N, C-alpha and C. Protein backbone atom coordinates (compact mmCIF):
# COMPACT_ATOMS: atom_id res chain seq x y z
N MET A 1 42.29 45.19 -17.19
CA MET A 1 42.44 45.22 -15.75
C MET A 1 43.84 44.42 -15.52
N ARG A 2 44.40 45.03 -14.67
CA ARG A 2 46.18 44.63 -14.43
C ARG A 2 45.98 43.24 -13.45
N LYS A 3 46.73 42.36 -13.77
CA LYS A 3 46.63 41.19 -12.95
C LYS A 3 48.01 41.00 -12.35
N VAL A 4 47.83 40.79 -11.11
CA VAL A 4 49.16 40.85 -10.16
C VAL A 4 49.85 39.40 -10.38
N ARG A 5 49.23 38.54 -10.62
CA ARG A 5 49.94 37.09 -10.94
C ARG A 5 50.98 37.39 -12.28
N TYR A 6 50.65 38.13 -13.05
CA TYR A 6 51.48 38.52 -14.24
C TYR A 6 52.87 39.25 -13.69
N LEU A 7 52.77 40.23 -12.83
CA LEU A 7 53.75 40.97 -12.30
C LEU A 7 54.73 39.82 -11.47
N VAL A 8 53.98 39.16 -10.76
CA VAL A 8 54.88 38.19 -9.79
C VAL A 8 55.58 37.21 -10.71
N ALA A 9 54.89 36.51 -11.71
CA ALA A 9 55.55 35.73 -12.54
C ALA A 9 56.64 36.36 -13.34
N GLY A 10 56.54 37.61 -13.84
CA GLY A 10 57.34 38.43 -14.51
C GLY A 10 58.71 38.52 -13.74
N ALA A 11 58.51 38.97 -12.44
CA ALA A 11 59.76 39.05 -11.43
C ALA A 11 60.60 37.70 -11.42
N ALA A 12 59.67 36.58 -11.27
CA ALA A 12 60.35 35.33 -11.11
C ALA A 12 61.07 34.96 -12.42
N ALA A 13 60.63 35.12 -13.51
CA ALA A 13 61.42 34.87 -14.76
C ALA A 13 62.46 35.83 -14.83
N LEU A 14 62.28 37.09 -14.29
CA LEU A 14 63.61 38.13 -14.71
C LEU A 14 64.70 37.60 -13.77
N ALA A 15 64.21 36.93 -12.56
CA ALA A 15 65.45 36.28 -11.74
C ALA A 15 66.04 34.90 -12.08
N LYS A 16 65.21 34.15 -13.09
CA LYS A 16 65.63 33.09 -13.68
C LYS A 16 67.11 33.04 -14.42
N PRO A 17 67.37 33.86 -15.25
CA PRO A 17 68.94 33.76 -15.62
C PRO A 17 70.02 34.00 -14.76
N PHE A 18 69.85 34.75 -13.68
CA PHE A 18 70.56 34.79 -12.46
C PHE A 18 70.79 33.54 -11.79
N LEU A 19 69.73 32.84 -11.73
CA LEU A 19 69.70 31.50 -11.13
C LEU A 19 70.46 30.40 -11.92
N LEU A 20 70.17 30.28 -13.30
CA LEU A 20 70.80 29.48 -14.17
C LEU A 20 72.08 29.79 -14.15
N GLY A 21 72.73 31.15 -14.14
CA GLY A 21 74.08 31.45 -14.00
C GLY A 21 74.76 30.75 -12.81
N THR A 22 74.07 30.80 -11.50
CA THR A 22 74.47 30.23 -10.51
C THR A 22 74.66 28.70 -10.44
N VAL A 23 73.75 28.11 -11.03
CA VAL A 23 73.85 26.60 -11.43
C VAL A 23 74.94 26.49 -12.28
N ALA A 24 75.16 27.15 -13.33
CA ALA A 24 76.30 26.98 -14.21
C ALA A 24 77.68 27.06 -13.68
N VAL A 25 77.64 28.04 -12.77
CA VAL A 25 78.90 28.13 -12.28
C VAL A 25 79.19 26.94 -10.93
N GLY A 26 78.12 26.63 -10.30
CA GLY A 26 78.14 25.75 -9.19
C GLY A 26 78.56 24.24 -9.74
N ILE A 27 78.10 23.81 -11.12
CA ILE A 27 78.54 22.66 -11.68
C ILE A 27 79.77 22.74 -12.50
N GLY A 28 80.33 23.71 -12.26
CA GLY A 28 81.80 23.91 -13.13
C GLY A 28 81.75 24.33 -14.51
N LEU A 29 80.61 25.04 -14.84
CA LEU A 29 80.43 25.30 -16.35
C LEU A 29 81.18 26.40 -16.68
N GLY A 30 81.35 27.42 -15.63
CA GLY A 30 81.86 28.76 -15.86
C GLY A 30 82.90 28.96 -14.83
N ASP A 31 83.82 30.04 -15.11
CA ASP A 31 84.93 30.20 -14.27
C ASP A 31 84.58 31.38 -13.33
N SER A 32 83.32 31.71 -13.32
CA SER A 32 82.96 32.92 -12.49
C SER A 32 83.71 34.25 -12.85
N GLY A 33 83.55 34.62 -13.94
CA GLY A 33 84.20 35.79 -14.26
C GLY A 33 84.97 35.99 -15.80
N GLY A 34 85.17 34.65 -16.22
CA GLY A 34 86.12 34.69 -17.36
C GLY A 34 85.19 34.49 -18.61
N ILE A 35 85.95 34.24 -19.88
CA ILE A 35 85.42 34.03 -20.97
C ILE A 35 84.11 32.95 -21.09
N ALA A 36 84.42 31.92 -20.26
CA ALA A 36 83.12 30.98 -20.31
C ALA A 36 81.81 31.48 -19.80
N SER A 37 82.05 32.55 -18.73
CA SER A 37 80.91 33.16 -18.20
C SER A 37 80.33 34.04 -18.79
N ALA A 38 81.01 34.65 -20.00
CA ALA A 38 80.44 35.61 -20.94
C ALA A 38 79.81 34.91 -21.99
N PHE A 39 80.36 33.77 -22.37
CA PHE A 39 79.38 32.89 -23.23
C PHE A 39 78.23 32.45 -22.55
N LEU A 40 78.23 32.05 -21.44
CA LEU A 40 77.22 31.36 -20.71
C LEU A 40 76.20 32.57 -20.57
N ARG A 41 76.24 33.62 -20.42
CA ARG A 41 75.44 34.99 -20.57
C ARG A 41 74.73 34.78 -21.62
N CYS A 42 75.53 34.79 -22.83
CA CYS A 42 74.68 34.72 -24.35
C CYS A 42 73.76 33.63 -24.25
N LEU A 43 74.12 32.43 -23.70
CA LEU A 43 73.23 31.24 -23.77
C LEU A 43 72.05 31.45 -22.89
N ILE A 44 71.95 32.32 -21.82
CA ILE A 44 71.07 32.31 -20.85
C ILE A 44 70.23 33.48 -21.14
N PHE A 45 70.75 34.53 -22.08
CA PHE A 45 69.77 35.70 -22.20
C PHE A 45 68.34 35.44 -22.77
N PRO A 46 68.28 34.45 -23.38
CA PRO A 46 66.77 34.14 -24.02
C PRO A 46 65.74 34.04 -22.98
N SER A 47 66.29 33.54 -21.75
CA SER A 47 65.20 33.07 -20.58
C SER A 47 64.64 34.75 -20.09
N VAL A 48 65.20 35.62 -20.65
CA VAL A 48 64.34 37.17 -20.24
C VAL A 48 63.34 37.13 -20.95
N ALA A 49 62.86 36.28 -22.02
CA ALA A 49 61.82 36.64 -22.89
C ALA A 49 60.44 36.36 -22.33
N PRO A 50 60.34 35.38 -21.54
CA PRO A 50 58.91 34.93 -20.73
C PRO A 50 58.72 36.32 -19.77
N ALA A 51 59.72 36.87 -19.28
CA ALA A 51 59.88 37.99 -18.18
C ALA A 51 59.01 39.21 -18.87
N VAL A 52 59.57 39.49 -20.14
CA VAL A 52 59.20 40.75 -20.78
C VAL A 52 57.75 40.25 -21.31
N CYS A 53 57.44 39.09 -21.67
CA CYS A 53 55.98 38.82 -22.11
C CYS A 53 55.00 39.23 -20.79
N MET A 54 55.51 38.51 -19.70
CA MET A 54 54.80 38.79 -18.59
C MET A 54 54.56 40.07 -18.14
N PHE A 55 55.45 40.92 -18.18
CA PHE A 55 55.23 42.47 -17.73
C PHE A 55 54.49 43.11 -18.88
N LEU A 56 54.49 42.73 -20.04
CA LEU A 56 53.44 43.37 -21.29
C LEU A 56 51.93 42.82 -20.79
N LEU A 57 52.03 41.62 -20.37
CA LEU A 57 50.63 41.11 -20.07
C LEU A 57 50.08 41.87 -18.61
N TYR A 58 50.94 42.31 -17.85
CA TYR A 58 50.53 42.74 -16.56
C TYR A 58 50.22 44.33 -16.81
N ALA A 59 50.82 44.95 -18.01
CA ALA A 59 50.47 46.18 -18.34
C ALA A 59 49.21 46.38 -19.01
N ASP A 60 48.85 45.57 -20.07
CA ASP A 60 47.52 45.49 -20.62
C ASP A 60 47.30 43.93 -21.21
N GLU A 61 46.79 43.11 -20.54
CA GLU A 61 46.34 42.04 -20.72
C GLU A 61 45.61 41.87 -22.12
N GLU A 62 44.79 42.67 -22.57
CA GLU A 62 43.82 42.46 -23.70
C GLU A 62 44.77 42.70 -24.85
N ARG A 63 45.58 43.88 -24.83
CA ARG A 63 46.44 44.37 -25.73
C ARG A 63 47.50 43.34 -26.33
N TYR A 64 48.17 42.63 -25.20
CA TYR A 64 49.27 42.04 -25.39
C TYR A 64 48.95 40.31 -25.23
N ARG A 65 47.74 40.18 -25.49
CA ARG A 65 47.39 38.50 -25.12
C ARG A 65 47.99 37.53 -26.21
N ALA A 66 48.30 38.24 -27.41
CA ALA A 66 49.04 37.49 -28.51
C ALA A 66 50.55 36.89 -27.95
N TYR A 67 51.08 37.54 -26.90
CA TYR A 67 52.18 36.93 -26.25
C TYR A 67 52.01 35.86 -25.38
N ARG A 68 50.87 35.46 -24.81
CA ARG A 68 50.64 34.36 -23.86
C ARG A 68 51.07 32.99 -24.52
N PRO A 69 50.88 33.04 -25.90
CA PRO A 69 51.63 31.47 -26.27
C PRO A 69 53.12 31.28 -26.43
N LEU A 70 53.61 32.40 -26.66
CA LEU A 70 55.00 32.59 -26.57
C LEU A 70 55.54 32.38 -25.15
N ALA A 71 55.10 33.19 -24.29
CA ALA A 71 55.41 32.92 -22.79
C ALA A 71 55.28 31.33 -22.38
N GLY A 72 54.09 30.89 -22.63
CA GLY A 72 53.71 29.53 -22.21
C GLY A 72 54.96 28.51 -22.95
N LEU A 73 55.14 28.53 -24.34
CA LEU A 73 55.91 27.77 -24.97
C LEU A 73 57.24 27.81 -24.34
N MET A 74 58.05 28.96 -23.98
CA MET A 74 59.19 29.22 -23.42
C MET A 74 59.28 28.81 -22.09
N ALA A 75 58.04 28.86 -21.14
CA ALA A 75 58.03 28.57 -19.87
C ALA A 75 58.08 26.76 -19.64
N ALA A 76 57.02 26.40 -20.62
CA ALA A 76 56.88 25.02 -20.84
C ALA A 76 58.34 24.32 -21.22
N GLY A 77 58.77 24.71 -22.19
CA GLY A 77 59.90 24.02 -22.92
C GLY A 77 61.02 24.17 -21.85
N SER A 78 61.34 25.34 -21.17
CA SER A 78 62.40 25.43 -20.22
C SER A 78 62.14 24.51 -18.98
N ALA A 79 61.02 24.46 -18.70
CA ALA A 79 60.60 23.42 -17.37
C ALA A 79 61.03 22.06 -17.84
N ILE A 80 60.60 21.63 -18.93
CA ILE A 80 60.56 20.27 -19.43
C ILE A 80 62.26 20.03 -19.57
N PHE A 81 63.09 20.92 -20.05
CA PHE A 81 64.36 20.80 -20.25
C PHE A 81 65.25 20.84 -18.88
N LEU A 82 64.84 21.69 -17.96
CA LEU A 82 65.43 21.71 -16.68
C LEU A 82 65.09 20.14 -15.99
N ALA A 83 63.86 19.78 -16.14
CA ALA A 83 63.70 18.54 -15.56
C ALA A 83 64.38 17.47 -16.28
N ALA A 84 64.61 17.33 -17.47
CA ALA A 84 65.39 16.42 -18.13
C ALA A 84 66.76 16.48 -17.88
N SER A 85 67.46 17.86 -17.29
CA SER A 85 68.71 17.71 -17.06
C SER A 85 68.98 17.09 -15.65
N VAL A 86 68.09 16.86 -14.97
CA VAL A 86 68.38 16.30 -13.69
C VAL A 86 68.69 14.86 -13.76
N LEU A 87 68.24 14.21 -14.90
CA LEU A 87 68.54 12.71 -15.13
C LEU A 87 70.13 12.25 -15.11
N PRO A 88 71.04 13.23 -15.87
CA PRO A 88 72.43 12.81 -15.72
C PRO A 88 73.02 12.93 -14.35
N GLY A 89 72.53 14.17 -13.70
CA GLY A 89 72.94 14.27 -12.15
C GLY A 89 72.62 13.30 -11.26
N LEU A 90 71.56 12.77 -11.48
CA LEU A 90 70.93 11.44 -10.76
C LEU A 90 71.60 10.05 -11.23
N ARG A 91 72.03 10.05 -12.33
CA ARG A 91 72.81 8.80 -12.67
C ARG A 91 74.08 8.78 -12.21
N ASP A 92 74.93 9.87 -12.27
CA ASP A 92 76.14 9.98 -11.57
C ASP A 92 76.32 10.98 -10.59
N SER A 93 75.84 10.92 -9.49
CA SER A 93 75.63 11.96 -8.51
C SER A 93 77.06 12.29 -8.00
N GLN A 94 77.80 11.37 -7.83
CA GLN A 94 79.13 11.48 -7.21
C GLN A 94 79.99 12.60 -8.15
N LYS A 95 79.94 12.46 -9.47
CA LYS A 95 80.38 13.42 -10.27
C LYS A 95 79.88 14.99 -10.39
N LEU A 96 78.62 14.84 -9.97
CA LEU A 96 77.93 16.41 -9.71
C LEU A 96 78.64 16.59 -8.36
N VAL A 97 78.74 16.13 -7.25
CA VAL A 97 79.48 16.54 -6.10
C VAL A 97 80.80 16.86 -6.06
N LEU A 98 81.68 16.23 -7.05
CA LEU A 98 83.00 16.65 -7.25
C LEU A 98 82.99 17.75 -8.01
N ALA A 99 82.09 18.16 -9.05
CA ALA A 99 82.08 19.32 -9.68
C ALA A 99 81.81 20.44 -8.83
N ALA A 100 80.85 20.33 -7.99
CA ALA A 100 80.58 21.49 -6.97
C ALA A 100 81.63 21.70 -6.16
N GLY A 101 82.58 20.76 -5.67
CA GLY A 101 83.56 21.27 -5.01
C GLY A 101 83.44 20.80 -3.24
N ASP A 102 82.30 21.49 -2.94
CA ASP A 102 82.15 21.32 -1.45
C ASP A 102 80.43 21.37 -1.39
N ALA A 103 79.93 20.97 -0.05
CA ALA A 103 78.65 20.74 0.29
C ALA A 103 77.83 22.16 0.11
N GLN A 104 78.44 23.22 0.63
CA GLN A 104 77.81 24.45 0.64
C GLN A 104 77.61 24.75 -0.85
N THR A 105 78.59 24.89 -1.78
CA THR A 105 78.35 25.06 -3.29
C THR A 105 77.27 24.09 -3.97
N LEU A 106 77.20 23.06 -3.56
CA LEU A 106 76.26 21.93 -4.01
C LEU A 106 74.78 22.32 -3.59
N ALA A 107 74.89 22.65 -2.35
CA ALA A 107 73.36 23.11 -1.79
C ALA A 107 72.89 24.34 -2.50
N ARG A 108 73.97 25.52 -2.74
CA ARG A 108 73.47 26.67 -3.35
C ARG A 108 73.10 26.25 -4.95
N THR A 109 73.71 25.45 -5.42
CA THR A 109 73.57 25.04 -6.93
C THR A 109 72.09 24.33 -6.92
N VAL A 110 71.88 23.49 -5.97
CA VAL A 110 70.61 22.68 -6.06
C VAL A 110 69.37 23.71 -5.64
N ALA A 111 69.70 24.53 -4.78
CA ALA A 111 68.59 25.72 -4.44
C ALA A 111 68.47 26.48 -5.72
N ALA A 112 69.48 27.13 -6.30
CA ALA A 112 69.17 27.95 -7.35
C ALA A 112 68.50 27.24 -8.64
N PHE A 113 68.95 25.94 -8.73
CA PHE A 113 68.17 24.89 -9.89
C PHE A 113 66.66 25.09 -9.44
N LEU A 114 66.26 24.45 -8.34
CA LEU A 114 65.02 24.27 -7.88
C LEU A 114 64.17 25.77 -8.00
N ALA A 115 64.96 26.94 -7.70
CA ALA A 115 64.03 28.11 -7.75
C ALA A 115 63.91 28.40 -9.22
N ALA A 116 64.87 28.15 -10.20
CA ALA A 116 64.52 28.30 -11.55
C ALA A 116 63.53 27.42 -12.17
N PHE A 117 63.50 26.18 -11.94
CA PHE A 117 62.23 25.14 -12.20
C PHE A 117 61.09 25.89 -11.71
N ALA A 118 61.05 26.35 -10.25
CA ALA A 118 59.74 27.06 -9.81
C ALA A 118 59.42 28.15 -10.50
N ALA A 119 60.29 28.94 -10.88
CA ALA A 119 60.06 30.38 -11.67
C ALA A 119 59.32 29.86 -13.05
N ASP A 120 59.66 28.73 -13.82
CA ASP A 120 59.05 28.08 -14.96
C ASP A 120 57.56 27.92 -14.69
N LEU A 121 57.40 27.08 -13.49
CA LEU A 121 56.12 26.46 -13.04
C LEU A 121 55.23 27.78 -12.87
N LEU A 122 55.80 28.68 -12.21
CA LEU A 122 55.02 29.93 -11.81
C LEU A 122 54.47 30.91 -13.11
N CYS A 123 55.42 30.96 -13.96
CA CYS A 123 55.07 31.32 -15.48
C CYS A 123 53.89 30.89 -16.02
N GLY A 124 53.98 29.21 -16.00
CA GLY A 124 53.00 28.57 -16.45
C GLY A 124 51.61 28.52 -15.90
N PHE A 125 51.66 28.45 -14.40
CA PHE A 125 50.37 28.77 -13.76
C PHE A 125 50.05 30.04 -14.16
N ALA A 126 50.57 31.18 -14.12
CA ALA A 126 50.25 32.61 -14.38
C ALA A 126 49.39 32.60 -15.88
N LEU A 127 49.77 31.92 -16.62
CA LEU A 127 49.15 31.82 -17.80
C LEU A 127 47.85 31.07 -18.07
N LEU A 128 47.66 30.24 -16.98
CA LEU A 128 46.41 29.29 -16.96
C LEU A 128 45.26 30.42 -17.32
N PRO A 129 44.33 29.91 -17.94
CA PRO A 129 42.97 30.81 -18.08
C PRO A 129 42.43 30.86 -16.56
N ASP A 130 41.78 32.16 -16.59
CA ASP A 130 41.25 32.75 -15.24
C ASP A 130 39.96 31.97 -15.08
N SER A 131 39.59 31.20 -14.19
CA SER A 131 38.20 30.52 -13.91
C SER A 131 36.97 31.45 -14.01
N ARG A 132 37.35 32.62 -13.49
CA ARG A 132 35.95 33.48 -13.45
C ARG A 132 35.63 33.73 -14.75
N LYS A 133 36.60 34.06 -15.68
CA LYS A 133 36.40 34.50 -16.94
C LYS A 133 35.94 33.38 -17.73
N ARG A 134 36.06 32.13 -17.56
CA ARG A 134 35.58 31.09 -18.17
C ARG A 134 34.12 30.99 -17.69
N ALA A 135 33.83 31.18 -16.26
CA ALA A 135 32.35 31.09 -15.86
C ALA A 135 31.51 32.07 -16.56
N VAL A 136 32.01 33.46 -16.68
CA VAL A 136 31.15 34.46 -17.25
C VAL A 136 31.00 34.20 -18.88
N SER A 137 32.19 33.97 -19.40
CA SER A 137 31.78 33.58 -20.91
C SER A 137 31.00 32.37 -21.10
N ALA A 138 30.93 31.19 -20.39
CA ALA A 138 29.99 29.92 -20.53
C ALA A 138 28.68 30.65 -20.19
N SER A 139 28.21 31.51 -19.18
CA SER A 139 27.24 31.94 -18.86
C SER A 139 26.46 32.91 -19.82
N ARG A 140 27.28 33.71 -20.70
CA ARG A 140 26.71 34.47 -21.72
C ARG A 140 26.38 33.48 -23.02
N GLN A 141 25.19 33.67 -23.58
CA GLN A 141 24.95 32.98 -24.67
C GLN A 141 24.68 33.92 -25.81
N ILE A 142 24.83 33.67 -26.99
CA ILE A 142 24.95 34.36 -28.39
C ILE A 142 23.39 34.44 -28.74
N PRO A 143 22.96 35.80 -28.87
CA PRO A 143 21.61 35.77 -29.18
C PRO A 143 21.22 35.38 -30.66
N LEU A 144 20.39 34.31 -30.90
CA LEU A 144 19.99 34.03 -32.21
C LEU A 144 19.07 34.96 -33.00
N PRO A 145 19.45 35.15 -34.26
CA PRO A 145 18.50 36.03 -34.76
C PRO A 145 16.98 35.40 -34.94
N ASN A 146 15.98 36.33 -34.79
CA ASN A 146 14.67 35.86 -34.81
C ASN A 146 14.02 35.63 -36.22
N LYS A 147 13.66 34.27 -36.41
CA LYS A 147 13.46 33.87 -37.69
C LYS A 147 11.97 34.47 -38.41
N GLU A 148 11.23 34.93 -37.46
CA GLU A 148 9.77 35.25 -37.59
C GLU A 148 9.81 36.63 -38.55
N GLN A 149 10.78 37.39 -38.49
CA GLN A 149 10.89 38.84 -38.89
C GLN A 149 11.20 38.79 -40.37
């Protein structure tokens, strides 16, 4: 059975590399089209892996269930590293404002950062076990062999 949650999480994960690129350009890591941007694309490309896993899980959850741990690891690791990357910006917020240039660029950068973090959280929540499935499996009991025979 197809799960829409995997489709939505896959779409969010597919948008994440673009959001990370916006953040990188906004804080001055890329020159918006030069060699630094090409290098950043190479660094950001592995963020597509959770999207591929989510789309495969949407296509056939039982067949591709082995991809769930990979997608979970990538989403959790990315969320942790994104959260940790906030600390230097909070420590020296003036440097972050100067790197962004103006308030509009800073606002766009912060929005893209939060959207990328939300995409990781969405992927993580999509991978949580289905409560209905747990209830059904808990209600089933394995029949024990009859010892009288």
